[in-house]
C-alpha atoms as a PDB file:
ATOM      1  CA  MET A   1     -11.726 132.958 -33.324  1.00  0.00           C
ATOM      2  CA  ALA A   2      -8.925 134.234 -35.626  1.00  0.00           C
ATOM      3  CA  CYS A   3      -6.905 130.956 -35.724  1.00  0.00           C
ATOM      4  CA  LEU A   4      -7.517 129.041 -38.967  1.00  0.00           C
ATOM      5  CA  PHE A   5      -6.970 125.646 -37.434  1.00  0.00           C
ATOM      6  CA  CYS A   6      -9.138 126.501 -34.362  1.00  0.00           C
ATOM      7  CA  ARG A   7     -11.944 127.349 -36.819  1.00  0.00           C
ATOM      8  CA  ILE A   8     -11.474 124.061 -38.585  1.00  0.00           C
ATOM      9  CA  VAL A   9     -11.736 122.235 -35.204  1.00  0.00           C
ATOM     10  CA  ALA A  10     -14.935 124.218 -34.469  1.00  0.00           C
ATOM     11  CA  GLY A  11     -16.372 123.173 -37.900  1.00  0.00           C
ATOM     12  CA  GLU A  12     -16.525 126.722 -39.202  1.00  0.00           C
ATOM     13  CA  ILE A  13     -14.173 126.059 -42.116  1.00  0.00           C
ATOM     14  CA  PRO A  14     -14.433 122.774 -44.029  1.00  0.00           C
ATOM     15  CA  ALA A  15     -11.550 120.389 -44.255  1.00  0.00           C
ATOM     16  CA  THR A  16     -11.019 116.851 -45.578  1.00  0.00           C
ATOM     17  CA  ILE A  17     -10.742 115.069 -42.244  1.00  0.00           C
ATOM     18  CA  VAL A  18      -8.858 111.776 -42.404  1.00  0.00           C
ATOM     19  CA  HIS A  19      -8.475 110.949 -38.688  1.00  0.00           C
ATOM     20  CA  GLU A  20      -9.791 112.280 -35.369  1.00  0.00           C
ATOM     21  CA  THR A  21      -9.523 111.459 -31.687  1.00  0.00           C
ATOM     22  CA  PRO A  22     -10.726 113.314 -28.624  1.00  0.00           C
ATOM     23  CA  THR A  23      -7.446 115.334 -28.626  1.00  0.00           C
ATOM     24  CA  THR A  24      -6.268 115.447 -32.263  1.00  0.00           C
ATOM     25  CA  LEU A  25      -7.643 116.248 -35.695  1.00  0.00           C
ATOM     26  CA  ALA A  26      -5.903 115.248 -39.012  1.00  0.00           C
ATOM     27  CA  PHE A  27      -6.865 116.677 -42.339  1.00  0.00           C
ATOM     28  CA  ARG A  28      -5.369 116.927 -45.908  1.00  0.00           C
ATOM     29  CA  ASP A  29      -3.252 119.924 -46.659  1.00  0.00           C
ATOM     30  CA  ILE A  30      -5.051 122.169 -49.204  1.00  0.00           C
ATOM     31  CA  HIS A  31      -1.558 122.863 -50.917  1.00  0.00           C
ATOM     32  CA  PRO A  32      -0.014 119.396 -50.793  1.00  0.00           C
ATOM     33  CA  LYS A  33       3.701 119.057 -51.308  1.00  0.00           C
ATOM     34  CA  ALA A  34       3.491 115.282 -51.870  1.00  0.00           C
ATOM     35  CA  PRO A  35       0.839 112.736 -52.905  1.00  0.00           C
ATOM     36  CA  VAL A  36      -0.011 112.267 -49.155  1.00  0.00           C
ATOM     37  CA  HIS A  37       0.205 115.463 -47.189  1.00  0.00           C
ATOM     38  CA  VAL A  38      -1.821 115.338 -44.035  1.00  0.00           C
ATOM     39  CA  LEU A  39      -1.734 117.932 -41.104  1.00  0.00           C
ATOM     40  CA  PHE A  40      -2.159 116.801 -37.491  1.00  0.00           C
ATOM     41  CA  ILE A  41      -3.263 119.312 -34.866  1.00  0.00           C
ATOM     42  CA  PRO A  42      -4.129 119.255 -31.283  1.00  0.00           C
ATOM     43  CA  ARG A  43      -7.751 120.295 -30.793  1.00  0.00           C
ATOM     44  CA  GLU A  44      -6.659 122.741 -28.155  1.00  0.00           C
ATOM     45  CA  HIS A  45      -4.933 125.856 -29.484  1.00  0.00           C
ATOM     46  CA  VAL A  46      -1.203 125.577 -28.968  1.00  0.00           C
ATOM     47  CA  PRO A  47       0.935 128.181 -30.802  1.00  0.00           C
ATOM     48  CA  ASN A  48       3.812 126.033 -31.916  1.00  0.00           C
ATOM     49  CA  ALA A  49       5.539 122.643 -31.474  1.00  0.00           C
ATOM     50  CA  VAL A  50       7.741 123.898 -28.598  1.00  0.00           C
ATOM     51  CA  ALA A  51       4.593 124.685 -26.544  1.00  0.00           C
ATOM     52  CA  LEU A  52       3.184 121.130 -26.868  1.00  0.00           C
ATOM     53  CA  ASP A  53       3.345 118.929 -23.892  1.00  0.00           C
ATOM     54  CA  ARG A  54       4.397 115.283 -23.793  1.00  0.00           C
ATOM     55  CA  ASP A  55       0.890 114.025 -24.042  1.00  0.00           C
ATOM     56  CA  GLN A  56       0.018 116.195 -26.987  1.00  0.00           C
ATOM     57  CA  LEU A  57       3.149 115.201 -28.796  1.00  0.00           C
ATOM     58  CA  GLY A  58       2.464 111.540 -28.133  1.00  0.00           C
ATOM     59  CA  ASP A  59      -1.213 111.966 -29.406  1.00  0.00           C
ATOM     60  CA  LEU A  60      -0.038 113.669 -32.632  1.00  0.00           C
ATOM     61  CA  PHE A  61       2.580 110.994 -33.336  1.00  0.00           C
ATOM     62  CA  ALA A  62       0.237 108.124 -32.607  1.00  0.00           C
ATOM     63  CA  ALA A  63      -2.309 109.673 -35.058  1.00  0.00           C
ATOM     64  CA  ALA A  64       0.365 110.063 -37.654  1.00  0.00           C
ATOM     65  CA  LYS A  65       1.405 106.438 -37.307  1.00  0.00           C
ATOM     66  CA  GLU A  66      -2.233 105.276 -37.852  1.00  0.00           C
ATOM     67  CA  VAL A  67      -2.716 107.620 -40.788  1.00  0.00           C
ATOM     68  CA  ALA A  68       0.553 106.531 -42.462  1.00  0.00           C
ATOM     69  CA  GLU A  69      -0.692 102.960 -42.218  1.00  0.00           C
ATOM     70  CA  ALA A  70      -4.167 103.785 -43.508  1.00  0.00           C
ATOM     71  CA  GLU A  71      -2.672 105.846 -46.467  1.00  0.00           C
ATOM     72  CA  GLY A  72      -0.318 103.028 -47.474  1.00  0.00           C
ATOM     73  CA  VAL A  73       2.946 104.891 -46.828  1.00  0.00           C
ATOM     74  CA  ALA A  74       4.093 103.259 -43.607  1.00  0.00           C
ATOM     75  CA  GLU A  75       6.130 100.578 -45.370  1.00  0.00           C
ATOM     76  CA  SER A  76       7.654 102.692 -48.059  1.00  0.00           C
ATOM     77  CA  GLY A  77       8.373 105.556 -45.808  1.00  0.00           C
ATOM     78  CA  TYR A  78       7.214 109.085 -45.071  1.00  0.00           C
ATOM     79  CA  ARG A  79       8.417 112.374 -43.491  1.00  0.00           C
ATOM     80  CA  LEU A  80       7.082 113.967 -40.370  1.00  0.00           C
ATOM     81  CA  GLN A  81       7.828 117.609 -39.974  1.00  0.00           C
ATOM     82  CA  PHE A  82       7.118 120.471 -37.591  1.00  0.00           C
ATOM     83  CA  ASN A  83       7.698 124.081 -38.836  1.00  0.00           C
ATOM     84  CA  THR A  84       8.234 126.247 -35.832  1.00  0.00           C
ATOM     85  CA  GLY A  85       8.231 130.046 -35.823  1.00  0.00           C
ATOM     86  CA  PRO A  86       8.565 132.460 -38.796  1.00  0.00           C
ATOM     87  CA  ASP A  87      12.131 131.602 -39.539  1.00  0.00           C
ATOM     88  CA  GLY A  88      11.182 127.835 -39.411  1.00  0.00           C
ATOM     89  CA  GLY A  89       8.477 128.277 -42.075  1.00  0.00           C
ATOM     90  CA  GLN A  90       5.484 128.228 -39.746  1.00  0.00           C
ATOM     91  CA  GLU A  91       2.582 129.937 -41.530  1.00  0.00           C
ATOM     92  CA  VAL A  92      -0.412 129.058 -39.228  1.00  0.00           C
ATOM     93  CA  PHE A  93       0.466 129.683 -35.557  1.00  0.00           C
ATOM     94  CA  HIS A  94      -1.282 126.674 -34.211  1.00  0.00           C
ATOM     95  CA  ALA A  95       1.118 123.699 -33.714  1.00  0.00           C
ATOM     96  CA  HIS A  96       0.781 121.228 -36.554  1.00  0.00           C
ATOM     97  CA  LEU A  97       2.673 118.117 -37.623  1.00  0.00           C
ATOM     98  CA  HIS A  98       3.041 117.515 -41.446  1.00  0.00           C
ATOM     99  CA  LEU A  99       3.077 113.902 -42.778  1.00  0.00           C
ATOM    100  CA  LEU A 100       4.437 113.756 -46.333  1.00  0.00           C
ATOM    101  CA  GLY A 101       4.715 110.539 -48.335  1.00  0.00           C
ATOM    102  CA  GLY A 102       3.601 108.738 -51.453  1.00  0.00           C
ATOM    103  CA  ARG A 103       6.853 109.363 -53.429  1.00  0.00           C
ATOM    104  CA  LYS A 104      10.584 109.686 -52.754  1.00  0.00           C
ATOM    105  CA  LEU A 105      11.160 112.877 -50.864  1.00  0.00           C
END
């Protein structure tokens, strides 16, 4: 497996897991851009956000809502962001949703 995030799902690479469901995995970004910076990925390899189906999108957003509440940023506000494709800033080509919060963005 060459995909970094697939290797995290498989347990081959350690990550600080903050939430998981049968279809999603959420872990802290190793280079955080905010005090709270969590990545949400589908367990199944999907190359980018455009390739996600409705169920996968719903699962990612539901997980993000739960983590925002657990991390204490739901009330003050947070940013959800997909970077899609090289020109969109995507660096790992496995769809992932960023949750950033904990300060004014």
